[in-house]
Amino acid sequence: MSSSERPLHFRTRAIHRGQDRDEATGAVVPPIHVASTFVQHQVGEWREFDYSRSGNPTRKALETTLASLEGGCGALAFASGMAATHCVTMLLESGDHIVAGADIYGGTYRLLHKIVPRSNLSTTLVDTTDLEALERAITPRTKLVWIESPGNPLMSITDIAAVAEIAHRHGALMAIDNTFATPVLTRPLELGADVVMHSATKYLGGHSDMLGGALVVRDPDLFKRLYYTQNATGGVLGPFESFLCSRGLKTLDLRVREQSRTALQLAEFLTQHPRVSRVFYPGLASHRGHALAKQQMIGGFGAMLSFDVAGTFEQAKRVCQGTKLFQLAVSLGAVESLIESPAGMSHASYDPADRAKHGITDGLVRLSVGLEAFDDLRDDLTHSLKAAFA
């Protein structure tokens, strides 16, 4: 096979797929199309674009790149990750049941427990690393299995291929939030997943300057159903945000791999710290999902990690509030490092009993590792941990 026939590498596709130069001007960056409506030639003969909710050239460029990176037949870009997640739940009918992982984003928990029940949908949370427990949770009404791997905030690793097989055997769709891993490290569609969701706000955009979400699927009929729902409900990504996300994708591979290397160094450092009782990071040999992560993830374990402070909730809060380089903020996945308390911030929407049941302790601290130097981040945590116990 000649080099011209060989498939392009991931990082090359991230730069070129969907990002065609502008032939009219020669611009290497496609223009941002801000038009809300598009002129048609004749009544009843629709051109590719007619109204920006239904389709937009700048959004399509981003969707083309995302579909290529995840290995899907198509992608849809949304105004937020939650809008994308909600679109998936709108595939279901009244009376249907969802099985979801217990280690999931607090906003997803809120949607599944506080919003979708209004449509007579029910949800059961389960530890998806326990495949027998997962299968026991499935009922004849289960139509969707929703997981995260790595999980949020405990970094659990779920066997994506095995969950997909179980879901399909029971006639359910299998969807995964792939925000933490990104397609750089995990390609769930290749492992049998039906739907991949991203909070594009995080690693895909990568610079804390845009809000967005995405769905990628491998089945054309499912894509049509999701597109119909998106178009009918209108939660689409705007053209400027689409441009920002496309720009972020061009450095996604480089950012995620470098951030993952630093995260592993920090995890190893924290395991030796006397003020830290547990570290949750799949790159550690002590992590119970380490072997599966080595098999399922591609060349890295991600840039998210959590640890339990060996102290009180107040001391854990002081750790979060005492760093200088790690900024106290929700969200993740950007070039700057962030720190937060899941119990008081990202997962505050969990019912307290569910937080306790699923291991989200008051002393848990979550880190999103950015692109700063390891030595600087290590020293920042060292100083904050020392001050929190002074």
Protein backbone atom coordinates (compact mmCIF):
# COMPACT_ATOMS: atom_id res chain seq x y z
CA MET A 1 0.00 0.00 0.00
CA SER A 2 1.45 3.37 -0.99
CA SER A 3 1.64 6.28 1.43
CA SER A 4 -1.13 8.02 -0.54
CA GLU A 5 -3.47 5.06 0.13
CA ARG A 6 -2.56 4.61 3.80
CA PRO A 7 -5.18 6.00 6.24
CA LEU A 8 -4.16 9.28 7.79
CA HIS A 9 -3.02 9.32 11.39
CA PHE A 10 -5.31 10.65 14.13
CA ARG A 11 -3.50 13.95 14.64
CA THR A 12 -3.41 14.58 10.88
CA ARG A 13 -7.16 14.01 10.58
CA ALA A 14 -7.72 16.34 13.55
CA ILE A 15 -6.13 19.12 11.51
CA HIS A 16 -7.45 18.36 8.03
CA ARG A 17 -10.73 16.40 8.09
CA GLY A 18 -13.61 18.83 7.63
CA GLN A 19 -11.23 21.80 7.61
CA ASP A 20 -10.91 22.39 3.87
CA ARG A 21 -9.22 25.59 2.76
CA ASP A 22 -11.45 28.30 1.33
CA GLU A 23 -11.11 28.02 -2.44
CA ALA A 24 -12.57 31.50 -2.99
CA THR A 25 -9.79 33.25 -1.07
CA GLY A 26 -7.14 30.62 -0.41
CA ALA A 27 -7.57 30.99 3.35
CA VAL A 28 -6.18 27.94 5.17
CA VAL A 29 -8.81 28.35 7.91
CA PRO A 30 -12.43 28.00 6.73
CA PRO A 31 -14.54 31.13 7.27
CA ILE A 32 -17.06 31.29 10.11
CA HIS A 33 -20.57 31.23 8.63
CA VAL A 34 -22.80 33.29 10.90
CA ALA A 35 -25.87 33.36 8.63
CA SER A 36 -29.09 32.21 10.29
CA THR A 37 -30.82 31.41 7.00
CA PHE A 38 -29.79 30.42 3.49
CA VAL A 39 -31.35 31.34 0.11
CA GLN A 40 -33.01 28.49 -1.81
CA HIS A 41 -33.28 28.23 -5.60
CA GLN A 42 -36.86 27.01 -5.76
CA VAL A 43 -39.83 26.27 -3.50
CA GLY A 44 -39.60 22.71 -2.22
CA GLU A 45 -36.07 22.10 -3.51
CA TRP A 46 -33.83 22.32 -0.48
CA ARG A 47 -30.13 23.03 -0.73
CA GLU A 48 -27.71 21.50 1.77
CA PHE A 49 -28.32 24.37 4.21
CA ASP A 50 -31.60 26.16 4.76
CA TYR A 51 -31.78 27.33 8.39
CA SER A 52 -28.91 27.32 10.87
CA ARG A 53 -30.74 25.22 13.46
CA SER A 54 -31.00 22.45 10.85
CA GLY A 55 -27.44 22.79 9.60
CA ASN A 56 -24.60 25.28 9.42
CA PRO A 57 -21.37 25.06 7.37
CA THR A 58 -19.11 25.88 10.34
CA ARG A 59 -20.88 23.39 12.58
CA LYS A 60 -20.76 20.77 9.84
CA ALA A 61 -16.99 21.21 9.54
CA LEU A 62 -16.60 20.44 13.25
CA GLU A 63 -18.99 17.48 13.04
CA THR A 64 -17.04 16.05 10.12
CA THR A 65 -13.80 16.18 12.11
CA LEU A 66 -15.40 14.62 15.20
CA ALA A 67 -16.93 11.77 13.22
CA SER A 68 -13.53 10.98 11.75
CA LEU A 69 -11.75 11.03 15.11
CA GLU A 70 -14.29 8.78 16.84
CA GLY A 71 -14.74 6.48 13.84
CA GLY A 72 -18.45 7.23 13.44
CA CYS A 73 -20.77 7.64 10.49
CA GLY A 74 -21.74 11.12 11.69
CA ALA A 75 -21.60 13.58 14.56
CA LEU A 76 -23.92 16.23 15.98
CA ALA A 77 -22.70 19.32 17.82
CA PHE A 78 -24.82 20.71 20.66
CA ALA A 79 -24.94 23.86 22.77
CA SER A 80 -23.62 21.89 25.78
CA GLY A 81 -22.74 18.40 26.89
CA MET A 82 -26.00 18.23 28.86
CA ALA A 83 -27.99 19.15 25.75
CA ALA A 84 -26.30 16.25 23.97
CA THR A 85 -27.03 13.86 26.83
CA HIS A 86 -30.65 14.99 27.01
CA CYS A 87 -31.03 14.33 23.28
CA VAL A 88 -30.08 10.69 23.83
CA THR A 89 -32.69 10.29 26.57
CA MET A 90 -35.31 11.74 24.22
CA LEU A 91 -34.98 8.63 22.07
CA LEU A 92 -36.85 6.77 24.82
CA GLU A 93 -40.59 6.35 25.37
CA SER A 94 -42.67 6.85 28.48
CA GLY A 95 -42.16 3.92 30.85
CA ASP A 96 -38.68 3.07 29.62
CA HIS A 97 -35.81 2.41 32.02
CA ILE A 98 -32.18 3.55 32.06
CA VAL A 99 -29.25 1.81 33.73
CA ALA A 100 -26.45 4.28 34.44
CA GLY A 101 -23.08 4.06 36.08
CA ALA A 102 -22.78 5.20 39.66
CA ASP A 103 -19.49 6.99 38.92
CA ILE A 104 -20.88 9.70 36.62
CA TYR A 105 -20.91 13.47 36.29
CA GLY A 106 -23.17 15.25 38.77
CA GLY A 107 -25.03 17.04 35.99
CA THR A 108 -25.89 13.71 34.37
CA TYR A 109 -27.11 12.41 37.74
CA ARG A 110 -29.31 15.50 38.08
CA LEU A 111 -30.75 15.06 34.58
CA LEU A 112 -31.52 11.37 35.13
CA HIS A 113 -33.00 11.83 38.60
CA LYS A 114 -34.66 15.24 38.51
CA ILE A 115 -35.64 15.95 34.89
CA VAL A 116 -36.24 12.81 32.82
CA PRO A 117 -38.58 11.27 35.46
CA ARG A 118 -41.05 13.99 34.38
CA SER A 119 -41.31 12.02 31.12
CA ASN A 120 -41.98 8.82 33.08
CA LEU A 121 -38.46 7.49 32.61
CA SER A 122 -36.72 5.76 35.50
CA THR A 123 -33.03 5.26 36.23
CA THR A 124 -31.06 2.72 38.26
CA LEU A 125 -27.48 3.51 39.24
CA VAL A 126 -25.07 0.60 39.34
CA ASP A 127 -21.35 -0.02 39.62
CA THR A 128 -20.67 -0.74 35.95
CA THR A 129 -17.29 -2.28 36.76
CA ASP A 130 -19.36 -5.18 38.21
CA LEU A 131 -20.79 -6.75 35.07
CA GLU A 132 -23.00 -9.16 37.00
CA ALA A 133 -24.52 -6.29 38.97
CA LEU A 134 -25.03 -4.40 35.73
CA GLU A 135 -26.90 -7.27 34.13
CA ARG A 136 -29.05 -7.77 37.23
CA ALA A 137 -30.10 -4.12 37.04
CA ILE A 138 -31.46 -4.53 33.50
CA THR A 139 -35.21 -5.07 33.20
CA PRO A 140 -37.46 -5.74 30.18
CA ARG A 141 -38.08 -1.98 30.11
CA THR A 142 -34.38 -1.05 29.97
CA LYS A 143 -33.69 0.72 26.69
CA LEU A 144 -30.48 2.60 27.48
CA VAL A 145 -27.27 1.79 29.34
CA TRP A 146 -25.18 4.90 30.09
CA ILE A 147 -21.61 4.71 31.36
CA GLU A 148 -18.47 6.76 31.85
CA SER A 149 -14.94 5.35 31.67
CA PRO A 150 -12.90 6.67 33.35
CA GLY A 151 -15.69 7.49 35.76
CA ASN A 152 -16.27 10.84 37.40
CA PRO A 153 -15.01 11.49 40.06
CA LEU A 154 -13.55 8.12 41.16
CA MET A 155 -11.85 7.24 37.84
CA SER A 156 -13.40 3.76 37.68
CA ILE A 157 -12.70 1.77 34.52
CA THR A 158 -15.58 -0.05 32.86
CA ASP A 159 -15.22 -2.77 30.22
CA ILE A 160 -16.87 -0.97 27.31
CA ALA A 161 -17.02 -3.98 24.98
CA ALA A 162 -18.55 -6.20 27.67
CA VAL A 163 -21.18 -3.60 28.62
CA ALA A 164 -22.09 -3.10 24.96
CA GLU A 165 -22.57 -6.85 24.54
CA ILE A 166 -24.80 -7.05 27.61
CA ALA A 167 -26.87 -4.04 26.56
CA HIS A 168 -27.36 -5.33 23.03
CA ARG A 169 -28.27 -8.80 24.24
CA HIS A 170 -31.10 -7.18 26.21
CA GLY A 171 -32.23 -4.97 23.34
CA ALA A 172 -30.87 -1.71 24.80
CA LEU A 173 -28.69 1.02 23.37
CA MET A 174 -25.29 1.55 24.96
CA ALA A 175 -24.02 5.12 25.29
CA ILE A 176 -20.82 6.40 26.87
CA ASP A 177 -19.60 9.78 28.04
CA ASN A 178 -16.09 9.80 26.59
CA THR A 179 -15.19 13.28 27.84
CA PHE A 180 -12.38 12.18 30.17
CA ALA A 181 -10.61 9.82 27.77
CA THR A 182 -11.30 11.63 24.48
CA PRO A 183 -10.84 9.72 21.22
CA VAL A 184 -7.10 10.18 21.71
CA LEU A 185 -7.16 7.49 24.42
CA THR A 186 -10.39 5.52 23.89
CA ARG A 187 -12.57 4.86 20.80
CA PRO A 188 -15.79 3.40 22.22
CA LEU A 189 -17.53 2.96 18.85
CA GLU A 190 -14.78 0.51 17.89
CA LEU A 191 -15.58 -1.43 21.08
CA GLY A 192 -19.30 -1.76 20.35
CA ALA A 193 -20.84 1.40 21.83
CA ASP A 194 -23.78 2.89 19.94
CA VAL A 195 -23.41 6.51 21.03
CA VAL A 196 -20.40 8.52 22.22
CA MET A 197 -21.05 11.79 24.05
CA HIS A 198 -18.57 14.58 24.71
CA SER A 199 -18.74 17.72 26.74
CA ALA A 200 -16.85 19.61 24.05
CA THR A 201 -16.31 22.36 26.62
CA LYS A 202 -13.53 20.22 28.05
CA TYR A 203 -10.70 18.59 26.09
CA LEU A 204 -12.13 19.06 22.60
CA GLY A 205 -12.18 22.84 22.97
CA GLY A 206 -9.33 22.71 25.43
CA HIS A 207 -9.00 26.37 26.39
CA SER A 208 -11.88 27.18 28.79
CA ASP A 209 -13.38 29.56 26.24
CA MET A 210 -16.35 27.74 24.71
CA LEU A 211 -19.38 25.72 25.80
CA GLY A 212 -20.51 22.77 23.71
CA GLY A 213 -21.37 19.10 23.44
CA ALA A 214 -21.34 16.39 20.82
CA LEU A 215 -22.77 12.99 19.93
CA VAL A 216 -21.06 10.57 17.55
CA VAL A 217 -22.67 7.34 16.33
CA ARG A 218 -21.78 4.46 14.06
CA ASP A 219 -25.26 3.55 12.76
CA PRO A 220 -26.82 5.78 10.05
CA ASP A 221 -30.40 5.07 11.18
CA LEU A 222 -29.58 6.05 14.77
CA PHE A 223 -27.88 9.17 13.47
CA LYS A 224 -31.07 10.13 11.62
CA ARG A 225 -33.15 9.67 14.77
CA LEU A 226 -30.79 11.82 16.83
CA TYR A 227 -30.57 14.48 14.12
CA TYR A 228 -34.36 14.66 13.94
CA THR A 229 -34.56 15.15 17.71
CA GLN A 230 -31.80 17.75 17.72
CA ASN A 231 -33.42 19.70 14.90
CA ALA A 232 -36.84 19.51 16.55
CA THR A 233 -35.61 20.65 19.97
CA GLY A 234 -32.97 23.10 18.80
CA GLY A 235 -30.03 22.72 21.19
CA VAL A 236 -27.40 23.28 18.50
CA LEU A 237 -23.88 24.68 18.74
CA GLY A 238 -23.38 28.19 17.38
CA PRO A 239 -20.92 28.95 14.57
CA PHE A 240 -18.36 30.82 16.67
CA GLU A 241 -18.26 28.05 19.29
CA SER A 242 -17.99 25.51 16.47
CA PHE A 243 -14.96 27.38 15.14
CA LEU A 244 -13.33 27.47 18.58
CA CYS A 245 -13.88 23.74 19.05
CA SER A 246 -12.47 22.96 15.60
CA ARG A 247 -9.40 25.01 16.48
CA GLY A 248 -9.02 23.10 19.74
CA LEU A 249 -9.21 19.73 18.00
CA LYS A 250 -6.07 20.52 16.02
CA THR A 251 -3.94 20.19 19.16
CA LEU A 252 -6.08 17.61 20.98
CA ASP A 253 -3.68 14.69 20.53
CA LEU A 254 -0.65 16.64 21.70
CA ARG A 255 -2.45 18.19 24.68
CA VAL A 256 -4.06 15.02 26.01
CA ARG A 257 -0.91 12.92 25.80
CA GLU A 258 1.24 15.55 27.54
CA GLN A 259 -1.39 16.19 30.21
CA SER A 260 -1.69 12.45 30.80
CA ARG A 261 2.06 12.13 31.37
CA THR A 262 1.99 14.88 33.98
CA ALA A 263 -1.11 13.40 35.65
CA LEU A 264 0.65 10.07 36.11
CA GLN A 265 3.62 11.82 37.74
CA LEU A 266 1.30 13.70 40.10
CA ALA A 267 -0.61 10.52 40.97
CA GLU A 268 2.64 8.76 41.86
CA PHE A 269 3.72 11.75 43.95
CA LEU A 270 0.40 11.88 45.84
CA THR A 271 0.50 8.16 46.70
CA GLN A 272 3.58 8.92 48.80
CA HIS A 273 2.17 12.00 50.53
CA PRO A 274 1.37 11.54 54.26
CA ARG A 275 -1.73 13.78 54.06
CA VAL A 276 -3.30 11.69 51.27
CA SER A 277 -5.10 8.47 52.13
CA ARG A 278 -6.10 7.26 48.63
CA VAL A 279 -5.37 8.21 45.05
CA PHE A 280 -7.75 7.39 42.20
CA TYR A 281 -5.92 7.20 38.87
CA PRO A 282 -6.08 4.29 36.40
CA GLY A 283 -2.42 4.66 35.50
CA LEU A 284 -1.40 3.44 38.96
CA ALA A 285 -0.75 -0.29 39.29
CA SER A 286 -2.72 -0.17 42.55
CA HIS A 287 -5.88 0.99 40.77
CA ARG A 288 -8.34 -1.89 40.50
CA GLY A 289 -9.04 -1.08 36.86
CA HIS A 290 -5.41 -0.68 35.86
CA ALA A 291 -5.12 -3.87 33.81
CA LEU A 292 -8.32 -3.12 31.91
CA ALA A 293 -7.24 0.48 31.36
CA LYS A 294 -3.95 -0.72 29.84
CA GLN A 295 -5.96 -2.87 27.45
CA GLN A 296 -8.74 -0.41 26.64
CA MET A 297 -6.98 2.95 26.63
CA ILE A 298 -4.48 3.91 23.94
CA GLY A 299 -1.11 5.16 25.10
CA GLY A 300 -2.17 6.97 28.27
CA PHE A 301 -4.55 7.03 31.21
CA GLY A 302 -5.99 10.53 31.03
CA ALA A 303 -5.34 13.79 32.81
CA MET A 304 -7.99 13.52 35.53
CA LEU A 305 -7.27 12.19 39.01
CA SER A 306 -8.82 12.34 42.46
CA PHE A 307 -7.50 11.80 45.96
CA ASP A 308 -8.88 11.55 49.47
CA VAL A 309 -7.38 13.97 51.95
CA ALA A 310 -6.47 12.24 55.22
CA GLY A 311 -8.41 14.74 57.30
CA THR A 312 -11.69 16.58 57.66
CA PHE A 313 -13.96 18.15 55.05
CA GLU A 314 -12.70 21.57 56.17
CA GLN A 315 -9.10 20.51 55.56
CA ALA A 316 -10.01 19.16 52.12
CA LYS A 317 -11.66 22.49 51.34
CA ARG A 318 -8.53 24.32 52.46
CA VAL A 319 -6.46 22.16 50.10
CA CYS A 320 -8.72 23.20 47.22
CA GLN A 321 -8.68 26.84 48.25
CA GLY A 322 -4.94 27.04 48.97
CA THR A 323 -3.44 26.27 45.57
CA LYS A 324 -2.13 28.97 43.24
CA LEU A 325 -1.61 27.20 39.91
CA PHE A 326 -4.48 24.76 40.37
CA GLN A 327 -7.45 27.12 40.11
CA LEU A 328 -10.59 26.44 42.14
CA ALA A 329 -13.24 25.87 39.49
CA VAL A 330 -15.58 23.27 38.09
CA SER A 331 -15.03 21.99 34.54
CA LEU A 332 -11.86 20.32 33.31
CA GLY A 333 -9.78 19.42 30.32
CA ALA A 334 -8.22 22.76 29.45
CA VAL A 335 -4.62 23.97 29.28
CA GLU A 336 -4.76 25.34 32.83
CA SER A 337 -4.98 23.01 35.83
CA LEU A 338 -8.13 23.06 37.97
CA ILE A 339 -8.98 21.75 41.44
CA GLU A 340 -12.36 21.18 43.06
CA SER A 341 -14.28 19.37 45.78
CA PRO A 342 -16.79 16.97 44.17
CA ALA A 343 -18.94 16.82 47.30
CA GLY A 344 -19.30 20.59 47.38
CA MET A 345 -19.08 21.42 43.67
CA SER A 346 -19.32 19.10 40.62
CA HIS A 347 -21.32 16.41 42.44
CA ALA A 348 -23.29 18.56 44.87
CA SER A 349 -26.43 17.65 42.88
CA TYR A 350 -26.09 14.03 44.06
CA ASP A 351 -28.38 13.23 46.95
CA PRO A 352 -26.10 13.01 50.03
CA ALA A 353 -27.07 9.37 50.57
CA ASP A 354 -26.04 8.51 47.00
CA ARG A 355 -22.72 10.33 47.41
CA ALA A 356 -21.99 8.29 50.52
CA LYS A 357 -23.20 5.06 48.94
CA HIS A 358 -20.99 5.45 45.89
CA GLY A 359 -17.81 6.56 47.65
CA ILE A 360 -17.84 10.30 46.95
CA THR A 361 -16.46 11.34 50.32
CA ASP A 362 -16.32 14.84 51.80
CA GLY A 363 -12.53 14.60 51.71
CA LEU A 364 -12.34 13.85 47.99
CA VAL A 365 -10.42 16.32 45.82
CA ARG A 366 -10.49 16.20 42.02
CA LEU A 367 -7.73 17.51 39.79
CA SER A 368 -7.81 18.40 36.12
CA VAL A 369 -4.16 18.45 35.08
CA GLY A 370 -3.24 21.08 32.53
CA LEU A 371 -0.10 21.83 30.56
CA GLU A 372 1.97 23.42 33.32
CA ALA A 373 5.28 21.82 34.27
CA PHE A 374 5.08 18.87 36.67
CA ASP A 375 7.54 20.41 39.16
CA ASP A 376 5.43 23.55 39.46
CA LEU A 377 2.18 21.62 39.96
CA ARG A 378 3.79 19.27 42.47
CA ASP A 379 5.12 22.20 44.50
CA ASP A 380 1.73 23.90 44.39
CA LEU A 381 0.02 20.85 45.86
CA THR A 382 2.80 20.37 48.41
CA HIS A 383 2.38 23.90 49.75
CA SER A 384 -1.42 23.67 49.82
CA LEU A 385 -1.48 20.32 51.62
CA LYS A 386 1.00 21.60 54.20
CA ALA A 387 -0.99 24.79 54.82
CA ALA A 388 -4.29 22.92 55.12
CA PHE A 389 -2.98 21.01 58.13
CA ALA A 390 -1.02 23.83 59.74
